Amino acid sequence: MQSVNDLERRKEVIQVKIELLDNQKDWFVGEPSPLAPAKYASVALLRTTKDYAAFRTEADKYTNSVATPAYDGSDEVIERALILASKQKAVERRHQSKILRAFPQNKECYLKDELCLSCPVCALNGGISTKTEVDDISIKSRILYQTAFSVMPFEDVVESITFNAVNEKTTKTGQALGERELVKPDTSFLSVVTLLAPTLDELKFYLYAMLNTTRYGAETRGLGVIDNRLLGLVLSGTEEFSALQLTMDTYGNLVAENDDADLTYDSIFGVVHEVSLSDLPEARVHKVYSKDKIPELEKALKESSPTEDWIDGMYEKALAFRKTIEG
């Protein structure tokens, strides 16, 4: 049973979270609208594998990758492992839906054939009606994902693993069945997710859900554990930075001249704030959350939890959004 002091501390934690975001509440839209204004909440993320992970397209044993410049000003081109935007979005949307299912207001809504198009998840992530008896409804996603890039080269973060089957009776293994490429544990990926014209509650909901999403990629029953960390948050009139730019900045400042690069959260966090976000145009940017506020915000979000009243308010706005689209 929680003591009075525990409850008071809990209230304080939630209040810290509100203070850090609510002091910019006038910038956010009051309710979602199909005619979204140019308001972009861009989130910089560090996604670190805590186990082997399979980031590949369906029915393909090879890890998604692409050749990119190593860093700005360099002629070197390196191959990097990828977490495609679609793979990030699907996982995080499903986790958002799981959060809503814990509350009485929950509607039956799931990918891909039963989207309700009237819940907070659909209002933010979008969708298309699949029911023939319902008028065609299409909601555009207001969560804009970017491909996540590994900081280190492909050959340093991916390995091929041979697998085979064990005979249950003899406990002997037969010949190798094949091999697959897996991303190694402790691999750092830089990611950017932008919310277009979000309400304040939508940003809180996305950040809370994302920080508590833990498995990505294929074969998540035994692979794909990831630790998501918040690196930066910018409120602006456009998308101010890209995942690839953050990746190249990190590589150029921490790896290029250092054979023993220490890719910790703190070192990458420093590059993001001292290099990547240090010279954004003031005329266009409303707010850049500072180095001292980001850890505080992340801690508050992780220690808070949605309430029934808060979720109910989000449902009301989502339903009103759908009615606006229906006309």
C-alpha atoms as a PDB file:
ATOM      1  CA  MET A   1       0.000   0.000   0.000  1.00  0.00           C
ATOM      2  CA  GLN A   2       1.330   3.432  -0.947  1.00  0.00           C
ATOM      3  CA  SER A   3       2.045   5.882   1.859  1.00  0.00           C
ATOM      4  CA  VAL A   4       0.909   9.496   1.821  1.00  0.00           C
ATOM      5  CA  ASN A   5       4.493  10.532   1.049  1.00  0.00           C
ATOM      6  CA  ASP A   6       4.634   8.110  -1.896  1.00  0.00           C
ATOM      7  CA  LEU A   7       1.423   9.562  -3.307  1.00  0.00           C
ATOM      8  CA  GLU A   8       2.714  13.088  -2.864  1.00  0.00           C
ATOM      9  CA  ARG A   9       5.949  12.228  -4.662  1.00  0.00           C
ATOM     10  CA  ARG A  10       3.911  10.642  -7.453  1.00  0.00           C
ATOM     11  CA  LYS A  11       1.891  13.842  -7.836  1.00  0.00           C
ATOM     12  CA  GLU A  12       5.098  15.860  -7.924  1.00  0.00           C
ATOM     13  CA  VAL A  13       6.559  13.664 -10.666  1.00  0.00           C
ATOM     14  CA  ILE A  14       3.466  14.106 -12.805  1.00  0.00           C
ATOM     15  CA  GLN A  15       3.506  17.826 -12.109  1.00  0.00           C
ATOM     16  CA  VAL A  16       7.158  18.098 -13.220  1.00  0.00           C
ATOM     17  CA  LYS A  17       6.202  16.435 -16.472  1.00  0.00           C
ATOM     18  CA  ILE A  18       3.356  18.909 -16.931  1.00  0.00           C
ATOM     19  CA  GLU A  19       5.533  21.895 -16.116  1.00  0.00           C
ATOM     20  CA  LEU A  20       8.231  20.954 -18.609  1.00  0.00           C
ATOM     21  CA  LEU A  21       5.769  20.637 -21.480  1.00  0.00           C
ATOM     22  CA  ASP A  22       2.820  22.744 -20.378  1.00  0.00           C
ATOM     23  CA  ASN A  23       4.834  25.937 -20.206  1.00  0.00           C
ATOM     24  CA  GLN A  24       4.735  25.830 -24.026  1.00  0.00           C
ATOM     25  CA  LYS A  25       1.029  24.943 -24.212  1.00  0.00           C
ATOM     26  CA  ASP A  26       0.140  28.008 -26.305  1.00  0.00           C
ATOM     27  CA  TRP A  27       2.290  26.663 -29.156  1.00  0.00           C
ATOM     28  CA  PHE A  28       0.319  23.409 -29.456  1.00  0.00           C
ATOM     29  CA  VAL A  29      -2.985  23.078 -31.292  1.00  0.00           C
ATOM     30  CA  GLY A  30      -6.048  22.777 -29.083  1.00  0.00           C
ATOM     31  CA  GLU A  31      -7.466  19.813 -30.984  1.00  0.00           C
ATOM     32  CA  PRO A  32      -6.411  17.729 -34.002  1.00  0.00           C
ATOM     33  CA  SER A  33      -7.511  19.048 -37.385  1.00  0.00           C
ATOM     34  CA  PRO A  34      -7.298  17.758 -40.975  1.00  0.00           C
ATOM     35  CA  LEU A  35      -6.071  21.259 -41.888  1.00  0.00           C
ATOM     36  CA  ALA A  36      -2.883  21.032 -39.878  1.00  0.00           C
ATOM     37  CA  PRO A  37      -0.803  24.203 -39.411  1.00  0.00           C
ATOM     38  CA  ALA A  38       2.983  24.184 -39.796  1.00  0.00           C
ATOM     39  CA  LYS A  39       3.818  23.171 -36.242  1.00  0.00           C
ATOM     40  CA  TYR A  40       6.411  20.410 -35.918  1.00  0.00           C
ATOM     41  CA  ALA A  41       7.516  18.767 -32.673  1.00  0.00           C
ATOM     42  CA  SER A  42      10.719  16.951 -33.669  1.00  0.00           C
ATOM     43  CA  VAL A  43      12.112  14.310 -31.337  1.00  0.00           C
ATOM     44  CA  ALA A  44      15.726  13.098 -31.525  1.00  0.00           C
ATOM     45  CA  LEU A  45      16.171   9.556 -30.233  1.00  0.00           C
ATOM     46  CA  LEU A  46      18.937   7.113 -29.442  1.00  0.00           C
ATOM     47  CA  ARG A  47      17.797   3.527 -30.007  1.00  0.00           C
ATOM     48  CA  THR A  48      20.311   1.039 -28.577  1.00  0.00           C
ATOM     49  CA  THR A  49      20.004  -2.713 -29.052  1.00  0.00           C
ATOM     50  CA  LYS A  50      20.155  -4.694 -25.812  1.00  0.00           C
ATOM     51  CA  ASP A  51      20.049  -8.073 -27.561  1.00  0.00           C
ATOM     52  CA  TYR A  52      20.498  -9.389 -31.069  1.00  0.00           C
ATOM     53  CA  ALA A  53      17.974  -7.835 -33.450  1.00  0.00           C
ATOM     54  CA  ALA A  54      16.652  -8.646 -36.926  1.00  0.00           C
ATOM     55  CA  PHE A  55      16.011  -5.537 -39.009  1.00  0.00           C
ATOM     56  CA  ARG A  56      15.070  -6.795 -42.448  1.00  0.00           C
ATOM     57  CA  THR A  57      12.251  -6.783 -44.956  1.00  0.00           C
ATOM     58  CA  GLU A  58       9.804  -9.674 -44.895  1.00  0.00           C
ATOM     59  CA  ALA A  59      11.126 -13.088 -46.005  1.00  0.00           C
ATOM     60  CA  ASP A  60      14.640 -11.708 -46.361  1.00  0.00           C
ATOM     61  CA  LYS A  61      17.522 -12.914 -44.217  1.00  0.00           C
ATOM     62  CA  TYR A  62      19.674  -9.856 -44.908  1.00  0.00           C
ATOM     63  CA  THR A  63      19.814  -6.779 -42.710  1.00  0.00           C
ATOM     64  CA  ASN A  64      18.540  -3.555 -44.249  1.00  0.00           C
ATOM     65  CA  SER A  65      21.457  -1.253 -45.057  1.00  0.00           C
ATOM     66  CA  VAL A  66      22.525   1.683 -47.200  1.00  0.00           C
ATOM     67  CA  ALA A  67      25.752   3.460 -48.147  1.00  0.00           C
ATOM     68  CA  THR A  68      26.036   7.021 -46.799  1.00  0.00           C
ATOM     69  CA  PRO A  69      28.782   9.609 -46.269  1.00  0.00           C
ATOM     70  CA  ALA A  70      30.716   8.832 -43.110  1.00  0.00           C
ATOM     71  CA  TYR A  71      30.363  12.432 -41.923  1.00  0.00           C
ATOM     72  CA  ASP A  72      30.147  15.977 -43.297  1.00  0.00           C
ATOM     73  CA  GLY A  73      33.238  17.043 -45.217  1.00  0.00           C
ATOM     74  CA  SER A  74      34.496  13.492 -45.703  1.00  0.00           C
ATOM     75  CA  ASP A  75      34.878  11.624 -48.987  1.00  0.00           C
ATOM     76  CA  GLU A  76      34.557   8.334 -47.139  1.00  0.00           C
ATOM     77  CA  VAL A  77      31.377   6.360 -47.767  1.00  0.00           C
ATOM     78  CA  ILE A  78      30.328   3.654 -45.327  1.00  0.00           C
ATOM     79  CA  GLU A  79      27.504   1.152 -45.263  1.00  0.00           C
ATOM     80  CA  ARG A  80      25.167   1.521 -42.307  1.00  0.00           C
ATOM     81  CA  ALA A  81      22.526  -0.793 -40.855  1.00  0.00           C
ATOM     82  CA  LEU A  82      18.984   0.596 -40.857  1.00  0.00           C
ATOM     83  CA  ILE A  83      15.756   0.451 -38.924  1.00  0.00           C
ATOM     84  CA  LEU A  84      13.241   1.452 -41.575  1.00  0.00           C
ATOM     85  CA  ALA A  85      10.655   4.069 -40.650  1.00  0.00           C
ATOM     86  CA  SER A  86       7.766   1.667 -41.265  1.00  0.00           C
ATOM     87  CA  LYS A  87       9.239  -0.855 -38.812  1.00  0.00           C
ATOM     88  CA  GLN A  88       9.484   1.761 -36.083  1.00  0.00           C
ATOM     89  CA  LYS A  89       5.983   3.091 -36.644  1.00  0.00           C
ATOM     90  CA  ALA A  90       4.202  -0.273 -36.629  1.00  0.00           C
ATOM     91  CA  VAL A  91       5.775  -1.334 -33.327  1.00  0.00           C
ATOM     92  CA  GLU A  92       5.134   1.959 -31.567  1.00  0.00           C
ATOM     93  CA  ARG A  93       1.560   2.210 -32.836  1.00  0.00           C
ATOM     94  CA  ARG A  94       0.812  -1.257 -31.485  1.00  0.00           C
ATOM     95  CA  HIS A  95       2.237  -0.319 -28.102  1.00  0.00           C
ATOM     96  CA  GLN A  96       0.110   2.834 -28.017  1.00  0.00           C
ATOM     97  CA  SER A  97      -2.957   0.650 -28.620  1.00  0.00           C
ATOM     98  CA  LYS A  98      -1.909  -1.691 -25.809  1.00  0.00           C
ATOM     99  CA  ILE A  99      -1.816   1.275 -23.434  1.00  0.00           C
ATOM    100  CA  LEU A 100      -5.369   2.280 -24.376  1.00  0.00           C
ATOM    101  CA  ARG A 101      -6.668  -1.273 -23.895  1.00  0.00           C
ATOM    102  CA  ALA A 102      -6.017  -0.960 -20.171  1.00  0.00           C
ATOM    103  CA  PHE A 103      -8.775   1.657 -19.897  1.00  0.00           C
ATOM    104  CA  PRO A 104     -12.594   1.321 -19.993  1.00  0.00           C
ATOM    105  CA  GLN A 105     -12.882   3.743 -22.914  1.00  0.00           C
ATOM    106  CA  ASN A 106     -10.997   1.294 -25.135  1.00  0.00           C
ATOM    107  CA  LYS A 107     -12.554   0.630 -28.535  1.00  0.00           C
ATOM    108  CA  GLU A 108     -11.888  -2.497 -30.577  1.00  0.00           C
ATOM    109  CA  CYS A 109      -9.117  -1.226 -32.796  1.00  0.00           C
ATOM    110  CA  TYR A 110      -6.173  -3.083 -34.273  1.00  0.00           C
ATOM    111  CA  LEU A 111      -3.934  -3.243 -37.312  1.00  0.00           C
ATOM    112  CA  LYS A 112      -4.619  -3.703 -40.064  1.00  0.00           C
ATOM    113  CA  ASP A 113      -8.216  -4.745 -40.682  1.00  0.00           C
ATOM    114  CA  GLU A 114     -10.071  -3.249 -37.720  1.00  0.00           C
ATOM    115  CA  LEU A 115      -9.091   0.389 -37.314  1.00  0.00           C
ATOM    116  CA  CYS A 116     -11.772   2.336 -35.463  1.00  0.00           C
ATOM    117  CA  LEU A 117     -10.548   5.723 -36.759  1.00  0.00           C
ATOM    118  CA  SER A 118     -11.991   7.396 -33.665  1.00  0.00           C
ATOM    119  CA  CYS A 119      -9.425   6.704 -30.928  1.00  0.00           C
ATOM    120  CA  PRO A 120      -6.325   8.724 -29.966  1.00  0.00           C
ATOM    121  CA  VAL A 121      -4.017   6.256 -31.740  1.00  0.00           C
ATOM    122  CA  CYS A 122      -5.903   6.500 -35.045  1.00  0.00           C
ATOM    123  CA  ALA A 123      -6.195  10.282 -34.762  1.00  0.00           C
ATOM    124  CA  LEU A 124      -2.418  10.543 -34.490  1.00  0.00           C
ATOM    125  CA  ASN A 125      -1.196   7.661 -36.673  1.00  0.00           C
ATOM    126  CA  GLY A 126      -3.912   7.787 -39.325  1.00  0.00           C
ATOM    127  CA  GLY A 127      -5.644   5.008 -41.202  1.00  0.00           C
ATOM    128  CA  ILE A 128      -8.200   4.065 -43.833  1.00  0.00           C
ATOM    129  CA  SER A 129     -11.627   2.528 -43.253  1.00  0.00           C
ATOM    130  CA  THR A 130     -11.808  -1.123 -44.328  1.00  0.00           C
ATOM    131  CA  LYS A 131     -15.539  -1.608 -43.704  1.00  0.00           C
ATOM    132  CA  THR A 132     -17.680  -1.530 -46.827  1.00  0.00           C
ATOM    133  CA  GLU A 133     -20.789  -0.383 -44.955  1.00  0.00           C
ATOM    134  CA  VAL A 134     -18.995   2.732 -43.711  1.00  0.00           C
ATOM    135  CA  ASP A 135     -18.329   5.800 -45.818  1.00  0.00           C
ATOM    136  CA  ASP A 136     -14.739   5.991 -46.983  1.00  0.00           C
ATOM    137  CA  ILE A 137     -12.722   7.687 -44.261  1.00  0.00           C
ATOM    138  CA  SER A 138      -9.044   8.452 -44.539  1.00  0.00           C
ATOM    139  CA  ILE A 139      -6.982  10.003 -41.764  1.00  0.00           C
ATOM    140  CA  LYS A 140      -3.457  11.087 -42.618  1.00  0.00           C
ATOM    141  CA  SER A 141      -0.737  10.203 -40.165  1.00  0.00           C
ATOM    142  CA  ARG A 142       0.636  13.133 -38.199  1.00  0.00           C
ATOM    143  CA  ILE A 143       3.585  11.107 -36.902  1.00  0.00           C
ATOM    144  CA  LEU A 144       6.421  11.463 -39.397  1.00  0.00           C
ATOM    145  CA  TYR A 145       9.115   8.831 -38.968  1.00  0.00           C
ATOM    146  CA  GLN A 146      12.608   8.799 -40.450  1.00  0.00           C
ATOM    147  CA  THR A 147      14.836   5.820 -41.100  1.00  0.00           C
ATOM    148  CA  ALA A 148      17.201   5.181 -38.181  1.00  0.00           C
ATOM    149  CA  PHE A 149      20.901   4.747 -39.065  1.00  0.00           C
ATOM    150  CA  SER A 150      23.599   2.882 -37.165  1.00  0.00           C
ATOM    151  CA  VAL A 151      26.418   5.164 -36.080  1.00  0.00           C
ATOM    152  CA  MET A 152      29.056   2.526 -36.739  1.00  0.00           C
ATOM    153  CA  PRO A 153      29.658   0.805 -40.100  1.00  0.00           C
ATOM    154  CA  PHE A 154      27.669  -2.269 -41.095  1.00  0.00           C
ATOM    155  CA  GLU A 155      30.613  -4.642 -40.734  1.00  0.00           C
ATOM    156  CA  ASP A 156      31.090  -3.577 -37.104  1.00  0.00           C
ATOM    157  CA  VAL A 157      27.479  -4.047 -35.991  1.00  0.00           C
ATOM    158  CA  VAL A 158      26.107  -7.003 -38.001  1.00  0.00           C
ATOM    159  CA  GLU A 159      27.120 -10.651 -37.879  1.00  0.00           C
ATOM    160  CA  SER A 160      25.923 -13.815 -39.617  1.00  0.00           C
ATOM    161  CA  ILE A 161      24.739 -16.531 -37.274  1.00  0.00           C
ATOM    162  CA  THR A 162      24.318 -20.158 -38.314  1.00  0.00           C
ATOM    163  CA  PHE A 163      21.307 -22.022 -36.956  1.00  0.00           C
ATOM    164  CA  ASN A 164      20.311 -25.685 -36.930  1.00  0.00           C
ATOM    165  CA  ALA A 165      17.668 -27.974 -35.450  1.00  0.00           C
ATOM    166  CA  VAL A 166      17.988 -30.315 -32.455  1.00  0.00           C
ATOM    167  CA  ASN A 167      16.458 -33.809 -32.477  1.00  0.00           C
ATOM    168  CA  GLU A 168      14.298 -33.964 -29.330  1.00  0.00           C
ATOM    169  CA  LYS A 169      14.903 -37.682 -28.844  1.00  0.00           C
ATOM    170  CA  THR A 170      18.650 -37.873 -29.427  1.00  0.00           C
ATOM    171  CA  THR A 171      19.406 -34.220 -28.533  1.00  0.00           C
ATOM    172  CA  LYS A 172      21.774 -34.210 -31.484  1.00  0.00           C
ATOM    173  CA  THR A 173      21.936 -31.408 -33.997  1.00  0.00           C
ATOM    174  CA  GLY A 174      21.660 -32.087 -37.676  1.00  0.00           C
ATOM    175  CA  GLN A 175      23.349 -30.223 -40.446  1.00  0.00           C
ATOM    176  CA  ALA A 176      23.067 -26.456 -40.447  1.00  0.00           C
ATOM    177  CA  LEU A 177      19.701 -25.237 -41.705  1.00  0.00           C
ATOM    178  CA  GLY A 178      21.056 -21.887 -42.780  1.00  0.00           C
ATOM    179  CA  GLU A 179      22.325 -18.575 -41.516  1.00  0.00           C
ATOM    180  CA  ARG A 180      20.891 -15.161 -40.899  1.00  0.00           C
ATOM    181  CA  GLU A 181      22.229 -11.686 -40.326  1.00  0.00           C
ATOM    182  CA  LEU A 182      21.566 -10.099 -36.964  1.00  0.00           C
ATOM    183  CA  VAL A 183      22.448  -6.714 -35.524  1.00  0.00           C
ATOM    184  CA  LYS A 184      24.693  -7.101 -32.490  1.00  0.00           C
ATOM    185  CA  PRO A 185      23.766  -6.007 -28.972  1.00  0.00           C
ATOM    186  CA  ASP A 186      24.875  -2.504 -27.931  1.00  0.00           C
ATOM    187  CA  THR A 187      24.477  -1.054 -31.419  1.00  0.00           C
ATOM    188  CA  SER A 188      23.530   2.636 -31.499  1.00  0.00           C
ATOM    189  CA  PHE A 189      20.942   3.944 -33.969  1.00  0.00           C
ATOM    190  CA  LEU A 190      20.038   7.620 -34.336  1.00  0.00           C
ATOM    191  CA  SER A 191      16.376   8.250 -35.063  1.00  0.00           C
ATOM    192  CA  VAL A 192      14.086  11.253 -35.574  1.00  0.00           C
ATOM    193  CA  VAL A 193      10.312  11.249 -35.161  1.00  0.00           C
ATOM    194  CA  THR A 194       8.258  14.379 -35.823  1.00  0.00           C
ATOM    195  CA  LEU A 195       4.687  15.060 -34.765  1.00  0.00           C
ATOM    196  CA  LEU A 196       2.814  17.399 -37.101  1.00  0.00           C
ATOM    197  CA  ALA A 197       0.484  19.857 -35.366  1.00  0.00           C
ATOM    198  CA  PRO A 198       0.096  17.776 -32.198  1.00  0.00           C
ATOM    199  CA  THR A 199      -1.991  18.625 -29.205  1.00  0.00           C
ATOM    200  CA  LEU A 200      -0.030  18.826 -25.975  1.00  0.00           C
ATOM    201  CA  ASP A 201      -1.572  15.557 -24.810  1.00  0.00           C
ATOM    202  CA  GLU A 202      -0.663  13.825 -28.079  1.00  0.00           C
ATOM    203  CA  LEU A 203       3.001  14.710 -27.631  1.00  0.00           C
ATOM    204  CA  LYS A 204       2.942  13.475 -24.039  1.00  0.00           C
ATOM    205  CA  PHE A 205       1.223  10.259 -25.120  1.00  0.00           C
ATOM    206  CA  TYR A 206       3.694   9.594 -27.928  1.00  0.00           C
ATOM    207  CA  LEU A 207       6.739  10.229 -25.736  1.00  0.00           C
ATOM    208  CA  TYR A 208       5.416   8.087 -22.893  1.00  0.00           C
ATOM    209  CA  ALA A 209       4.542   5.188 -25.216  1.00  0.00           C
ATOM    210  CA  MET A 210       7.812   5.372 -27.153  1.00  0.00           C
ATOM    211  CA  LEU A 211       9.972   5.375 -24.025  1.00  0.00           C
ATOM    212  CA  ASN A 212       8.149   2.242 -22.875  1.00  0.00           C
ATOM    213  CA  THR A 213       8.334   0.357 -26.184  1.00  0.00           C
ATOM    214  CA  THR A 214      10.994  -2.331 -25.929  1.00  0.00           C
ATOM    215  CA  ARG A 215      10.993  -4.750 -28.901  1.00  0.00           C
ATOM    216  CA  TYR A 216      11.549  -3.936 -32.567  1.00  0.00           C
ATOM    217  CA  GLY A 217      12.214  -5.848 -35.770  1.00  0.00           C
ATOM    218  CA  ALA A 218      11.448  -9.435 -36.746  1.00  0.00           C
ATOM    219  CA  GLU A 219      11.239 -12.407 -34.374  1.00  0.00           C
ATOM    220  CA  THR A 220      10.538 -10.239 -31.345  1.00  0.00           C
ATOM    221  CA  ARG A 221       9.698 -13.237 -29.159  1.00  0.00           C
ATOM    222  CA  GLY A 222      13.413 -13.834 -28.765  1.00  0.00           C
ATOM    223  CA  LEU A 223      15.138 -10.853 -30.379  1.00  0.00           C
ATOM    224  CA  GLY A 224      14.963  -7.113 -30.797  1.00  0.00           C
ATOM    225  CA  VAL A 225      15.155  -5.644 -27.296  1.00  0.00           C
ATOM    226  CA  ILE A 226      15.865  -1.920 -27.624  1.00  0.00           C
ATOM    227  CA  ASP A 227      16.388   0.857 -25.112  1.00  0.00           C
ATOM    228  CA  ASN A 228      14.944   4.171 -26.317  1.00  0.00           C
ATOM    229  CA  ARG A 229      16.476   7.361 -24.934  1.00  0.00           C
ATOM    230  CA  LEU A 230      15.404  10.937 -25.514  1.00  0.00           C
ATOM    231  CA  LEU A 231      18.164  13.098 -27.005  1.00  0.00           C
ATOM    232  CA  GLY A 232      16.369  16.268 -28.011  1.00  0.00           C
ATOM    233  CA  LEU A 233      13.042  18.001 -28.580  1.00  0.00           C
ATOM    234  CA  VAL A 234      12.475  20.984 -30.866  1.00  0.00           C
ATOM    235  CA  LEU A 235       9.230  22.874 -31.508  1.00  0.00           C
ATOM    236  CA  SER A 236       9.416  24.655 -34.849  1.00  0.00           C
ATOM    237  CA  GLY A 237       7.725  25.668 -38.086  1.00  0.00           C
ATOM    238  CA  THR A 238       9.423  22.854 -40.003  1.00  0.00           C
ATOM    239  CA  GLU A 239      11.497  19.688 -39.546  1.00  0.00           C
ATOM    240  CA  GLU A 240      14.830  21.118 -38.414  1.00  0.00           C
ATOM    241  CA  PHE A 241      17.123  18.077 -38.493  1.00  0.00           C
ATOM    242  CA  SER A 242      17.397  14.576 -39.897  1.00  0.00           C
ATOM    243  CA  ALA A 243      18.401  11.224 -38.467  1.00  0.00           C
ATOM    244  CA  LEU A 244      21.194  10.928 -41.021  1.00  0.00           C
ATOM    245  CA  GLN A 245      22.614  14.325 -40.042  1.00  0.00           C
ATOM    246  CA  LEU A 246      22.599  13.369 -36.361  1.00  0.00           C
ATOM    247  CA  THR A 247      24.329  10.112 -37.282  1.00  0.00           C
ATOM    248  CA  MET A 248      27.032  11.797 -39.364  1.00  0.00           C
ATOM    249  CA  ASP A 249      27.606  14.441 -36.678  1.00  0.00           C
ATOM    250  CA  THR A 250      28.022  11.721 -34.067  1.00  0.00           C
ATOM    251  CA  TYR A 251      30.401   9.688 -36.219  1.00  0.00           C
ATOM    252  CA  GLY A 252      32.453  12.729 -37.227  1.00  0.00           C
ATOM    253  CA  ASN A 253      32.876  13.973 -33.669  1.00  0.00           C
ATOM    254  CA  LEU A 254      33.246  10.712 -31.763  1.00  0.00           C
ATOM    255  CA  VAL A 255      34.496   8.050 -34.170  1.00  0.00           C
ATOM    256  CA  ALA A 256      36.359   9.473 -37.181  1.00  0.00           C
ATOM    257  CA  GLU A 257      39.568  10.306 -35.315  1.00  0.00           C
ATOM    258  CA  ASN A 258      39.171   7.816 -32.490  1.00  0.00           C
ATOM    259  CA  ASP A 259      39.688   4.095 -32.926  1.00  0.00           C
ATOM    260  CA  ASP A 260      38.321   3.456 -29.429  1.00  0.00           C
ATOM    261  CA  ALA A 261      35.124   5.457 -29.752  1.00  0.00           C
ATOM    262  CA  ASP A 262      32.960   5.489 -26.631  1.00  0.00           C
ATOM    263  CA  LEU A 263      29.394   5.639 -27.915  1.00  0.00           C
ATOM    264  CA  THR A 264      27.552   6.211 -24.663  1.00  0.00           C
ATOM    265  CA  TYR A 265      24.283   8.058 -24.243  1.00  0.00           C
ATOM    266  CA  ASP A 266      26.132  10.960 -22.617  1.00  0.00           C
ATOM    267  CA  SER A 267      28.689  11.310 -25.414  1.00  0.00           C
ATOM    268  CA  ILE A 268      26.061  11.167 -28.168  1.00  0.00           C
ATOM    269  CA  PHE A 269      23.789  13.508 -26.190  1.00  0.00           C
ATOM    270  CA  GLY A 270      26.624  16.031 -26.054  1.00  0.00           C
ATOM    271  CA  VAL A 271      27.182  15.957 -29.823  1.00  0.00           C
ATOM    272  CA  VAL A 272      23.477  16.352 -30.557  1.00  0.00           C
ATOM    273  CA  HIS A 273      23.218  19.490 -28.421  1.00  0.00           C
ATOM    274  CA  GLU A 274      26.634  21.030 -29.009  1.00  0.00           C
ATOM    275  CA  VAL A 275      26.766  20.348 -32.757  1.00  0.00           C
ATOM    276  CA  SER A 276      23.517  19.226 -34.382  1.00  0.00           C
ATOM    277  CA  LEU A 277      21.100  21.526 -32.536  1.00  0.00           C
ATOM    278  CA  SER A 278      23.481  24.377 -31.783  1.00  0.00           C
ATOM    279  CA  ASP A 279      22.744  26.622 -34.753  1.00  0.00           C
ATOM    280  CA  LEU A 280      19.052  26.296 -35.592  1.00  0.00           C
ATOM    281  CA  PRO A 281      17.432  29.442 -37.076  1.00  0.00           C
ATOM    282  CA  GLU A 282      15.847  31.485 -34.302  1.00  0.00           C
ATOM    283  CA  ALA A 283      13.269  33.064 -36.603  1.00  0.00           C
ATOM    284  CA  ARG A 284      11.672  29.692 -37.312  1.00  0.00           C
ATOM    285  CA  VAL A 285      12.271  27.778 -34.089  1.00  0.00           C
ATOM    286  CA  HIS A 286       9.884  28.268 -31.200  1.00  0.00           C
ATOM    287  CA  LYS A 287      11.663  26.172 -28.580  1.00  0.00           C
ATOM    288  CA  VAL A 288      14.757  23.987 -28.282  1.00  0.00           C
ATOM    289  CA  TYR A 289      14.682  22.005 -25.052  1.00  0.00           C
ATOM    290  CA  SER A 290      18.067  22.473 -23.412  1.00  0.00           C
ATOM    291  CA  LYS A 291      20.595  19.885 -22.261  1.00  0.00           C
ATOM    292  CA  ASP A 292      19.541  20.181 -18.638  1.00  0.00           C
ATOM    293  CA  LYS A 293      15.810  19.816 -19.383  1.00  0.00           C
ATOM    294  CA  ILE A 294      15.876  16.727 -21.620  1.00  0.00           C
ATOM    295  CA  PRO A 295      17.026  14.250 -18.913  1.00  0.00           C
ATOM    296  CA  GLU A 296      14.545  15.784 -16.492  1.00  0.00           C
ATOM    297  CA  LEU A 297      11.740  15.423 -19.027  1.00  0.00           C
ATOM    298  CA  GLU A 298      12.686  11.839 -19.857  1.00  0.00           C
ATOM    299  CA  LYS A 299      12.762  10.864 -16.178  1.00  0.00           C
ATOM    300  CA  ALA A 300       9.381  12.439 -15.515  1.00  0.00           C
ATOM    301  CA  LEU A 301       7.788  10.689 -18.494  1.00  0.00           C
ATOM    302  CA  LYS A 302       9.161   7.288 -17.492  1.00  0.00           C
ATOM    303  CA  GLU A 303       7.928   7.664 -13.928  1.00  0.00           C
ATOM    304  CA  SER A 304       4.442   8.895 -14.806  1.00  0.00           C
ATOM    305  CA  SER A 305       1.487   6.898 -16.104  1.00  0.00           C
ATOM    306  CA  PRO A 306      -1.727   7.776 -17.977  1.00  0.00           C
ATOM    307  CA  THR A 307      -4.896   8.302 -15.954  1.00  0.00           C
ATOM    308  CA  GLU A 308      -8.434   7.379 -16.943  1.00  0.00           C
ATOM    309  CA  ASP A 309      -9.547  11.020 -17.025  1.00  0.00           C
ATOM    310  CA  TRP A 310      -6.600  11.989 -19.216  1.00  0.00           C
ATOM    311  CA  ILE A 311      -7.254   9.154 -21.674  1.00  0.00           C
ATOM    312  CA  ASP A 312     -10.958  10.036 -21.694  1.00  0.00           C
ATOM    313  CA  GLY A 313     -10.128  13.591 -22.739  1.00  0.00           C
ATOM    314  CA  MET A 314      -7.997  12.304 -25.604  1.00  0.00           C
ATOM    315  CA  TYR A 315     -10.846  10.048 -26.765  1.00  0.00           C
ATOM    316  CA  GLU A 316     -13.233  13.011 -26.828  1.00  0.00           C
ATOM    317  CA  LYS A 317     -10.895  15.011 -29.053  1.00  0.00           C
ATOM    318  CA  ALA A 318     -10.245  12.013 -31.323  1.00  0.00           C
ATOM    319  CA  LEU A 319     -13.971  11.451 -31.839  1.00  0.00           C
ATOM    320  CA  ALA A 320     -14.500  15.142 -32.591  1.00  0.00           C
ATOM    321  CA  PHE A 321     -11.640  14.909 -35.107  1.00  0.00           C
ATOM    322  CA  ARG A 322     -13.344  12.027 -36.895  1.00  0.00           C
ATOM    323  CA  LYS A 323     -16.655  13.910 -37.040  1.00  0.00           C
ATOM    324  CA  THR A 324     -14.842  16.869 -38.587  1.00  0.00           C
ATOM    325  CA  ILE A 325     -13.422  14.610 -41.298  1.00  0.00           C
ATOM    326  CA  GLU A 326     -16.820  13.036 -41.958  1.00  0.00           C
ATOM    327  CA  GLY A 327     -18.302  16.505 -42.368  1.00  0.00           C
END
